[in-house]
Amino acid sequence: MLGDRPTLALLINALEAPNPSVRAQAAEVLGFLLVPSVRKPLTQRLEDPDRYVRLYAALALAKMQDPSALSYLQTAPRENNPFLGLFAGELLSNLGDRSAIPFLRESLQIDGDIPMRLYAAWTLGRLGDRSGLVSVAEILKHSNPNLRANAVWTLGEIGGEEAVALLKSALHDETLTVAIHALWALDRIARSSIRTSAAITVDKLS
């Protein structure tokens, strides 16, 4: 059974496996168990020679609210792999940490890699930063409907009046999937606005 002592010992031993893919998978699974005893071996993997192993170890530790994860993730965006940097930025946003914002803004300028730019804009939106709006608005004009659908999804995370205006236009997109995504995004923004207004009212009453 996952989480019992023999299985736990097997996973911890797998963190030392010669194959980095095995080490990364072991770190990922350990993150789901939330067992305090695995923190030390996971922390040691933050020094692993393989960057994917380091990142999955940090992800596992972040789920346990371990401060060592935050320390690592704040430096991870400076690694040379853009995707890993963006993934680290997303994990930081989950922890409410805004230190990755400068790196994420730089990632909006990645030429020729639209999915990466959308990923950066989406993560910035989660942090309340709307600097990705211009980049996403450009992608809404792309001929590929899948990219347009991802763009309106991202606008739902960014929010704000400008995003709403872009989404209302996307409701008339020639591709039904894009229009449906736009409808979902508008609903998400509306619900978020209601929750924010309710929270402000509660604060005023308390």
C-alpha atoms as a PDB file:
ATOM      1  CA  MET A   1       0.000   0.000   0.000  1.00  0.00           C
ATOM      2  CA  LEU A   2       1.312   3.471  -0.923  1.00  0.00           C
ATOM      3  CA  GLY A   3       2.617   5.164   2.200  1.00  0.00           C
ATOM      4  CA  ASP A   4       3.397   2.050   4.236  1.00  0.00           C
ATOM      5  CA  ARG A   5       6.950   1.551   5.504  1.00  0.00           C
ATOM      6  CA  PRO A   6       8.219  -0.872   2.811  1.00  0.00           C
ATOM      7  CA  THR A   7       6.862   1.286  -0.008  1.00  0.00           C
ATOM      8  CA  LEU A   8       8.192   4.446   1.604  1.00  0.00           C
ATOM      9  CA  ALA A   9      11.632   2.877   1.968  1.00  0.00           C
ATOM     10  CA  LEU A  10      11.527   1.809  -1.687  1.00  0.00           C
ATOM     11  CA  LEU A  11      10.689   5.337  -2.849  1.00  0.00           C
ATOM     12  CA  ILE A  12      13.390   6.910  -0.684  1.00  0.00           C
ATOM     13  CA  ASN A  13      15.934   4.442  -2.067  1.00  0.00           C
ATOM     14  CA  ALA A  14      14.756   5.323  -5.582  1.00  0.00           C
ATOM     15  CA  LEU A  15      15.877   8.895  -4.947  1.00  0.00           C
ATOM     16  CA  GLU A  16      19.428   7.507  -5.171  1.00  0.00           C
ATOM     17  CA  ALA A  17      18.847   5.580  -8.412  1.00  0.00           C
ATOM     18  CA  PRO A  18      21.391   6.071 -11.243  1.00  0.00           C
ATOM     19  CA  ASN A  19      18.594   6.959 -13.677  1.00  0.00           C
ATOM     20  CA  PRO A  20      17.487  10.609 -13.194  1.00  0.00           C
ATOM     21  CA  SER A  21      13.989   9.804 -14.513  1.00  0.00           C
ATOM     22  CA  VAL A  22      13.544   7.296 -11.691  1.00  0.00           C
ATOM     23  CA  ARG A  23      14.769   9.835  -9.126  1.00  0.00           C
ATOM     24  CA  ALA A  24      12.380  12.484 -10.474  1.00  0.00           C
ATOM     25  CA  GLN A  25       9.398  10.095 -10.420  1.00  0.00           C
ATOM     26  CA  ALA A  26      10.226   9.015  -6.877  1.00  0.00           C
ATOM     27  CA  ALA A  27      10.360  12.640  -5.753  1.00  0.00           C
ATOM     28  CA  GLU A  28       7.024  13.362  -7.447  1.00  0.00           C
ATOM     29  CA  VAL A  29       5.280  10.408  -5.745  1.00  0.00           C
ATOM     30  CA  LEU A  30       6.748  11.271  -2.342  1.00  0.00           C
ATOM     31  CA  GLY A  31       5.200  14.711  -2.701  1.00  0.00           C
ATOM     32  CA  PHE A  32       1.725  13.161  -2.684  1.00  0.00           C
ATOM     33  CA  LEU A  33       2.327  11.306   0.573  1.00  0.00           C
ATOM     34  CA  LEU A  34       2.984  14.356   2.770  1.00  0.00           C
ATOM     35  CA  VAL A  35       5.016  12.267   5.218  1.00  0.00           C
ATOM     36  CA  PRO A  36       7.379  14.372   7.407  1.00  0.00           C
ATOM     37  CA  SER A  37      10.095  11.708   7.371  1.00  0.00           C
ATOM     38  CA  VAL A  38      10.731  12.192   3.641  1.00  0.00           C
ATOM     39  CA  ARG A  39      11.653  15.865   3.952  1.00  0.00           C
ATOM     40  CA  LYS A  40      15.344  15.239   4.588  1.00  0.00           C
ATOM     41  CA  PRO A  41      15.949  12.938   1.573  1.00  0.00           C
ATOM     42  CA  LEU A  42      13.928  15.295  -0.636  1.00  0.00           C
ATOM     43  CA  THR A  43      15.930  18.300   0.573  1.00  0.00           C
ATOM     44  CA  GLN A  44      19.116  16.457  -0.387  1.00  0.00           C
ATOM     45  CA  ARG A  45      17.733  16.072  -3.922  1.00  0.00           C
ATOM     46  CA  LEU A  46      17.676  19.858  -4.264  1.00  0.00           C
ATOM     47  CA  GLU A  47      21.405  19.424  -4.941  1.00  0.00           C
ATOM     48  CA  ASP A  48      20.826  16.678  -7.543  1.00  0.00           C
ATOM     49  CA  PRO A  49      22.880  17.052 -10.749  1.00  0.00           C
ATOM     50  CA  ASP A  50      19.684  16.704 -12.809  1.00  0.00           C
ATOM     51  CA  ARG A  51      17.529  19.842 -12.934  1.00  0.00           C
ATOM     52  CA  TYR A  52      14.271  17.900 -13.322  1.00  0.00           C
ATOM     53  CA  VAL A  53      14.996  15.931 -10.177  1.00  0.00           C
ATOM     54  CA  ARG A  54      15.710  19.186  -8.335  1.00  0.00           C
ATOM     55  CA  LEU A  55      12.446  20.689  -9.512  1.00  0.00           C
ATOM     56  CA  TYR A  56      10.288  17.688  -8.611  1.00  0.00           C
ATOM     57  CA  ALA A  57      11.942  17.530  -5.201  1.00  0.00           C
ATOM     58  CA  ALA A  58      11.129  21.216  -4.735  1.00  0.00           C
ATOM     59  CA  LEU A  59       7.535  20.592  -5.845  1.00  0.00           C
ATOM     60  CA  ALA A  60       7.181  17.796  -3.282  1.00  0.00           C
ATOM     61  CA  LEU A  61       8.632  19.964  -0.520  1.00  0.00           C
ATOM     62  CA  ALA A  62       6.405  22.879  -1.533  1.00  0.00           C
ATOM     63  CA  LYS A  63       3.335  20.690  -0.983  1.00  0.00           C
ATOM     64  CA  MET A  64       4.600  20.145   2.561  1.00  0.00           C
ATOM     65  CA  GLN A  65       5.093  23.908   3.051  1.00  0.00           C
ATOM     66  CA  ASP A  66       8.804  23.283   3.613  1.00  0.00           C
ATOM     67  CA  PRO A  67      10.820  26.556   3.539  1.00  0.00           C
ATOM     68  CA  SER A  68      13.709  24.911   1.690  1.00  0.00           C
ATOM     69  CA  ALA A  69      11.440  24.598  -1.354  1.00  0.00           C
ATOM     70  CA  LEU A  70      10.883  28.342  -1.425  1.00  0.00           C
ATOM     71  CA  SER A  71      14.623  29.032  -1.184  1.00  0.00           C
ATOM     72  CA  TYR A  72      15.328  26.733  -4.127  1.00  0.00           C
ATOM     73  CA  LEU A  73      12.464  27.935  -6.323  1.00  0.00           C
ATOM     74  CA  GLN A  74      13.560  31.545  -5.957  1.00  0.00           C
ATOM     75  CA  THR A  75      16.813  30.651  -7.712  1.00  0.00           C
ATOM     76  CA  ALA A  76      15.420  28.066 -10.143  1.00  0.00           C
ATOM     77  CA  PRO A  77      14.166  30.660 -12.690  1.00  0.00           C
ATOM     78  CA  ARG A  78      17.804  31.576 -13.283  1.00  0.00           C
ATOM     79  CA  GLU A  79      18.518  28.119 -14.692  1.00  0.00           C
ATOM     80  CA  ASN A  80      19.071  27.905 -18.431  1.00  0.00           C
ATOM     81  CA  ASN A  81      15.919  25.939 -19.309  1.00  0.00           C
ATOM     82  CA  PRO A  82      13.015  28.369 -19.914  1.00  0.00           C
ATOM     83  CA  PHE A  83      10.306  25.780 -19.257  1.00  0.00           C
ATOM     84  CA  LEU A  84      11.815  24.812 -15.919  1.00  0.00           C
ATOM     85  CA  GLY A  85      12.011  28.474 -14.996  1.00  0.00           C
ATOM     86  CA  LEU A  86       8.330  28.971 -15.812  1.00  0.00           C
ATOM     87  CA  PHE A  87       7.384  25.822 -13.919  1.00  0.00           C
ATOM     88  CA  ALA A  88       9.296  27.143 -10.915  1.00  0.00           C
ATOM     89  CA  GLY A  89       7.462  30.452 -11.314  1.00  0.00           C
ATOM     90  CA  GLU A  90       4.119  28.647 -11.230  1.00  0.00           C
ATOM     91  CA  LEU A  91       5.116  26.810  -8.050  1.00  0.00           C
ATOM     92  CA  LEU A  92       6.142  30.101  -6.472  1.00  0.00           C
ATOM     93  CA  SER A  93       2.775  31.599  -7.394  1.00  0.00           C
ATOM     94  CA  ASN A  94       1.113  28.655  -5.615  1.00  0.00           C
ATOM     95  CA  LEU A  95       3.041  29.680  -2.506  1.00  0.00           C
ATOM     96  CA  GLY A  96       2.048  33.335  -2.925  1.00  0.00           C
ATOM     97  CA  ASP A  97       5.651  34.350  -3.655  1.00  0.00           C
ATOM     98  CA  ARG A  98       6.117  37.147  -6.204  1.00  0.00           C
ATOM     99  CA  SER A  99       9.902  36.899  -6.642  1.00  0.00           C
ATOM    100  CA  ALA A 100       9.564  35.235 -10.068  1.00  0.00           C
ATOM    101  CA  ILE A 101       7.658  38.156 -11.626  1.00  0.00           C
ATOM    102  CA  PRO A 102      10.718  39.767 -13.320  1.00  0.00           C
ATOM    103  CA  PHE A 103      11.690  36.436 -14.905  1.00  0.00           C
ATOM    104  CA  LEU A 104       8.103  35.784 -16.005  1.00  0.00           C
ATOM    105  CA  ARG A 105       7.888  39.213 -17.621  1.00  0.00           C
ATOM    106  CA  GLU A 106      11.081  38.489 -19.557  1.00  0.00           C
ATOM    107  CA  SER A 107       9.549  35.199 -20.721  1.00  0.00           C
ATOM    108  CA  LEU A 108       6.746  37.138 -22.421  1.00  0.00           C
ATOM    109  CA  GLN A 109       9.355  38.184 -24.978  1.00  0.00           C
ATOM    110  CA  ILE A 110      10.377  34.650 -26.027  1.00  0.00           C
ATOM    111  CA  ASP A 111      10.256  34.820 -29.838  1.00  0.00           C
ATOM    112  CA  GLY A 112       8.509  32.030 -31.705  1.00  0.00           C
ATOM    113  CA  ASP A 113       7.391  30.107 -28.617  1.00  0.00           C
ATOM    114  CA  ILE A 114       3.751  31.054 -28.116  1.00  0.00           C
ATOM    115  CA  PRO A 115       2.914  28.318 -25.549  1.00  0.00           C
ATOM    116  CA  MET A 116       5.756  29.539 -23.342  1.00  0.00           C
ATOM    117  CA  ARG A 117       4.531  33.132 -23.583  1.00  0.00           C
ATOM    118  CA  LEU A 118       1.007  32.032 -22.654  1.00  0.00           C
ATOM    119  CA  TYR A 119       2.378  30.033 -19.725  1.00  0.00           C
ATOM    120  CA  ALA A 120       4.229  33.120 -18.480  1.00  0.00           C
ATOM    121  CA  ALA A 121       1.147  35.350 -18.895  1.00  0.00           C
ATOM    122  CA  TRP A 122      -1.068  32.808 -17.114  1.00  0.00           C
ATOM    123  CA  THR A 123       1.319  32.534 -14.165  1.00  0.00           C
ATOM    124  CA  LEU A 124       1.616  36.318 -13.945  1.00  0.00           C
ATOM    125  CA  GLY A 125      -2.176  36.516 -13.899  1.00  0.00           C
ATOM    126  CA  ARG A 126      -2.250  34.187 -10.911  1.00  0.00           C
ATOM    127  CA  LEU A 127       0.026  36.655  -9.128  1.00  0.00           C
ATOM    128  CA  GLY A 128      -2.264  39.586  -9.963  1.00  0.00           C
ATOM    129  CA  ASP A 129       0.133  40.926 -12.603  1.00  0.00           C
ATOM    130  CA  ARG A 130      -1.482  41.910 -15.923  1.00  0.00           C
ATOM    131  CA  SER A 131       1.658  42.667 -17.898  1.00  0.00           C
ATOM    132  CA  GLY A 132       0.948  39.670 -20.156  1.00  0.00           C
ATOM    133  CA  LEU A 133      -2.203  41.232 -21.639  1.00  0.00           C
ATOM    134  CA  VAL A 134      -0.517  42.717 -24.723  1.00  0.00           C
ATOM    135  CA  SER A 135       1.170  39.439 -25.593  1.00  0.00           C
ATOM    136  CA  VAL A 136      -2.052  37.454 -25.142  1.00  0.00           C
ATOM    137  CA  ALA A 137      -4.038  39.966 -27.226  1.00  0.00           C
ATOM    138  CA  GLU A 138      -1.616  39.375 -30.113  1.00  0.00           C
ATOM    139  CA  ILE A 139      -2.068  35.594 -29.835  1.00  0.00           C
ATOM    140  CA  LEU A 140      -5.869  36.047 -30.091  1.00  0.00           C
ATOM    141  CA  LYS A 141      -5.240  37.045 -33.734  1.00  0.00           C
ATOM    142  CA  HIS A 142      -3.329  33.828 -34.517  1.00  0.00           C
ATOM    143  CA  SER A 143      -4.644  31.548 -37.269  1.00  0.00           C
ATOM    144  CA  ASN A 144      -4.380  28.464 -35.014  1.00  0.00           C
ATOM    145  CA  PRO A 145      -7.666  28.080 -33.078  1.00  0.00           C
ATOM    146  CA  ASN A 146      -5.993  25.978 -30.365  1.00  0.00           C
ATOM    147  CA  LEU A 147      -3.640  28.846 -29.570  1.00  0.00           C
ATOM    148  CA  ARG A 148      -6.559  31.294 -29.556  1.00  0.00           C
ATOM    149  CA  ALA A 149      -8.453  29.004 -27.159  1.00  0.00           C
ATOM    150  CA  ASN A 150      -5.435  28.884 -24.852  1.00  0.00           C
ATOM    151  CA  ALA A 151      -5.177  32.653 -25.059  1.00  0.00           C
ATOM    152  CA  VAL A 152      -8.768  33.219 -23.880  1.00  0.00           C
ATOM    153  CA  TRP A 153      -8.216  30.658 -21.102  1.00  0.00           C
ATOM    154  CA  THR A 154      -5.222  32.729 -20.012  1.00  0.00           C
ATOM    155  CA  LEU A 155      -7.307  35.917 -20.060  1.00  0.00           C
ATOM    156  CA  GLY A 156      -9.656  34.262 -17.595  1.00  0.00           C
ATOM    157  CA  GLU A 157      -6.747  34.036 -15.173  1.00  0.00           C
ATOM    158  CA  ILE A 158      -5.510  37.577 -15.815  1.00  0.00           C
ATOM    159  CA  GLY A 159      -8.885  39.281 -15.362  1.00  0.00           C
ATOM    160  CA  GLY A 160      -9.628  43.008 -15.425  1.00  0.00           C
ATOM    161  CA  GLU A 161     -11.585  45.271 -17.759  1.00  0.00           C
ATOM    162  CA  GLU A 162      -9.196  44.912 -20.704  1.00  0.00           C
ATOM    163  CA  ALA A 163      -9.350  41.119 -20.503  1.00  0.00           C
ATOM    164  CA  VAL A 164     -13.146  41.237 -20.376  1.00  0.00           C
ATOM    165  CA  ALA A 165     -13.261  43.406 -23.502  1.00  0.00           C
ATOM    166  CA  LEU A 166     -10.995  40.982 -25.377  1.00  0.00           C
ATOM    167  CA  LEU A 167     -13.063  38.023 -24.238  1.00  0.00           C
ATOM    168  CA  LYS A 168     -16.332  39.599 -25.357  1.00  0.00           C
ATOM    169  CA  SER A 169     -14.838  39.931 -28.842  1.00  0.00           C
ATOM    170  CA  ALA A 170     -13.660  36.302 -28.678  1.00  0.00           C
ATOM    171  CA  LEU A 171     -17.292  35.207 -28.137  1.00  0.00           C
ATOM    172  CA  HIS A 172     -17.726  35.840 -31.879  1.00  0.00           C
ATOM    173  CA  ASP A 173     -14.722  33.732 -32.909  1.00  0.00           C
ATOM    174  CA  GLU A 174     -15.319  31.580 -35.981  1.00  0.00           C
ATOM    175  CA  THR A 175     -14.242  28.499 -34.009  1.00  0.00           C
ATOM    176  CA  LEU A 176     -16.834  27.318 -31.490  1.00  0.00           C
ATOM    177  CA  THR A 177     -14.201  25.982 -29.073  1.00  0.00           C
ATOM    178  CA  VAL A 178     -12.632  29.423 -28.773  1.00  0.00           C
ATOM    179  CA  ALA A 179     -16.034  31.032 -28.132  1.00  0.00           C
ATOM    180  CA  ILE A 180     -16.844  28.440 -25.443  1.00  0.00           C
ATOM    181  CA  HIS A 181     -13.482  29.051 -23.759  1.00  0.00           C
ATOM    182  CA  ALA A 182     -14.210  32.775 -23.840  1.00  0.00           C
ATOM    183  CA  LEU A 183     -17.582  32.219 -22.176  1.00  0.00           C
ATOM    184  CA  TRP A 184     -15.918  30.136 -19.446  1.00  0.00           C
ATOM    185  CA  ALA A 185     -13.239  32.795 -18.917  1.00  0.00           C
ATOM    186  CA  LEU A 186     -15.830  35.564 -18.578  1.00  0.00           C
ATOM    187  CA  ASP A 187     -17.718  33.485 -16.035  1.00  0.00           C
ATOM    188  CA  ARG A 188     -14.487  32.885 -14.098  1.00  0.00           C
ATOM    189  CA  ILE A 189     -13.710  36.608 -13.971  1.00  0.00           C
ATOM    190  CA  ALA A 190     -17.270  37.411 -12.867  1.00  0.00           C
ATOM    191  CA  ARG A 191     -17.146  34.827 -10.073  1.00  0.00           C
ATOM    192  CA  SER A 192     -13.755  36.084  -8.945  1.00  0.00           C
ATOM    193  CA  SER A 193     -15.080  39.641  -8.838  1.00  0.00           C
ATOM    194  CA  ILE A 194     -18.031  38.556  -6.687  1.00  0.00           C
ATOM    195  CA  ARG A 195     -15.725  36.764  -4.240  1.00  0.00           C
ATOM    196  CA  THR A 196     -13.464  39.822  -4.020  1.00  0.00           C
ATOM    197  CA  SER A 197     -16.406  42.168  -3.393  1.00  0.00           C
ATOM    198  CA  ALA A 198     -17.755  39.835  -0.722  1.00  0.00           C
ATOM    199  CA  ALA A 199     -14.367  39.697   1.001  1.00  0.00           C
ATOM    200  CA  ILE A 200     -14.109  43.515   1.013  1.00  0.00           C
ATOM    201  CA  THR A 201     -17.608  43.785   2.511  1.00  0.00           C
ATOM    202  CA  VAL A 202     -16.737  41.295   5.255  1.00  0.00           C
ATOM    203  CA  ASP A 203     -13.564  43.239   6.055  1.00  0.00           C
ATOM    204  CA  LYS A 204     -15.538  46.480   6.372  1.00  0.00           C
ATOM    205  CA  LEU A 205     -18.102  44.861   8.666  1.00  0.00           C
ATOM    206  CA  SER A 206     -15.519  43.215  10.938  1.00  0.00           C
END
